[in-house]
Amino acid sequence: MKKGIHPEVKLITVKCACGAEHKFYSSRENIRIDVCSSCHPFYKGSGGAGLIVDTEGRIEKFRKKYNLEQ
């Protein structure tokens, strides 16, 4: 790597809106995020992992067509 052209990278604390703090390496000083793995529904298991939003009935139509059970 060429010297003097890369930004300095240091260990910082990223703060989420839910109050959780995570440690990362970054060239920025302060990073604030809205959603993290502590508060996102996908990681908490409250709907994101197995939930598919189907507003037009496509999944049910597919299941009926191929005789699949839920």
Protein backbone atom coordinates (compact mmCIF):
# COMPACT_ATOMS: atom_id res chain seq x y z
CA MET A 1 0.00 0.00 0.00
CA LYS A 2 1.15 3.52 -0.68
CA LYS A 3 1.89 5.52 2.42
CA GLY A 4 0.02 8.72 3.15
CA ILE A 5 -3.03 8.14 0.92
CA HIS A 6 -5.19 5.97 3.19
CA PRO A 7 -7.30 7.40 6.03
CA GLU A 8 -6.45 6.48 9.61
CA VAL A 9 -8.71 3.70 10.89
CA LYS A 10 -9.46 3.44 14.60
CA LEU A 11 -11.77 1.53 16.95
CA ILE A 12 -14.99 3.48 17.56
CA THR A 13 -18.32 2.89 19.28
CA VAL A 14 -21.40 2.95 17.03
CA LYS A 15 -24.56 3.96 18.91
CA CYS A 16 -28.02 2.77 17.92
CA ALA A 17 -31.32 4.57 18.56
CA CYS A 18 -32.37 1.66 20.82
CA GLY A 19 -29.40 2.36 23.11
CA ALA A 20 -27.17 -0.52 22.05
CA GLU A 21 -23.50 0.13 21.38
CA HIS A 22 -21.27 -1.82 18.99
CA LYS A 23 -17.52 -1.60 18.41
CA PHE A 24 -16.23 -1.20 14.84
CA TYR A 25 -13.16 0.03 13.04
CA SER A 26 -13.81 3.15 10.99
CA SER A 27 -12.19 6.30 9.68
CA ARG A 28 -15.15 8.35 10.99
CA GLU A 29 -15.42 9.60 14.56
CA ASN A 30 -19.11 9.38 15.49
CA ILE A 31 -21.62 7.03 13.87
CA ARG A 32 -25.24 6.81 14.95
CA ILE A 33 -27.64 4.29 13.41
CA ASP A 34 -31.42 3.83 13.56
CA VAL A 35 -31.59 0.02 13.56
CA CYS A 36 -29.09 -2.62 14.68
CA SER A 37 -29.04 -6.38 15.25
CA SER A 38 -30.29 -5.84 18.81
CA CYS A 39 -33.53 -4.12 17.81
CA HIS A 40 -34.28 -5.20 14.21
CA PRO A 41 -37.23 -7.64 13.96
CA PHE A 42 -35.32 -10.02 11.66
CA TYR A 43 -32.62 -10.66 14.26
CA LYS A 44 -35.00 -10.66 17.23
CA GLY A 45 -37.17 -13.35 15.65
CA SER A 46 -40.38 -11.33 15.86
CA GLY A 47 -41.50 -11.71 12.31
CA GLY A 48 -38.61 -11.13 9.95
CA ALA A 49 -37.07 -14.57 9.72
CA GLY A 50 -40.07 -16.62 8.66
CA LEU A 51 -42.65 -14.01 7.82
CA ILE A 52 -43.48 -13.29 4.20
CA VAL A 53 -45.85 -10.41 3.58
CA ASP A 54 -48.24 -11.43 0.84
CA THR A 55 -50.87 -8.82 0.12
CA GLU A 56 -52.05 -10.17 -3.22
CA GLY A 57 -52.44 -13.86 -2.40
CA ARG A 58 -49.62 -15.07 -4.64
CA ILE A 59 -48.27 -17.55 -2.11
CA GLU A 60 -51.70 -19.10 -1.52
CA LYS A 61 -52.27 -19.31 -5.28
CA PHE A 62 -48.92 -21.09 -5.70
CA ARG A 63 -49.72 -23.53 -2.88
CA LYS A 64 -53.13 -24.36 -4.38
CA LYS A 65 -51.65 -24.82 -7.85
CA TYR A 66 -49.04 -27.34 -6.67
CA ASN A 67 -51.08 -28.87 -3.80
CA LEU A 68 -48.62 -27.79 -1.11
CA GLU A 69 -49.51 -27.69 2.56
CA GLN A 70 -48.55 -24.82 4.77
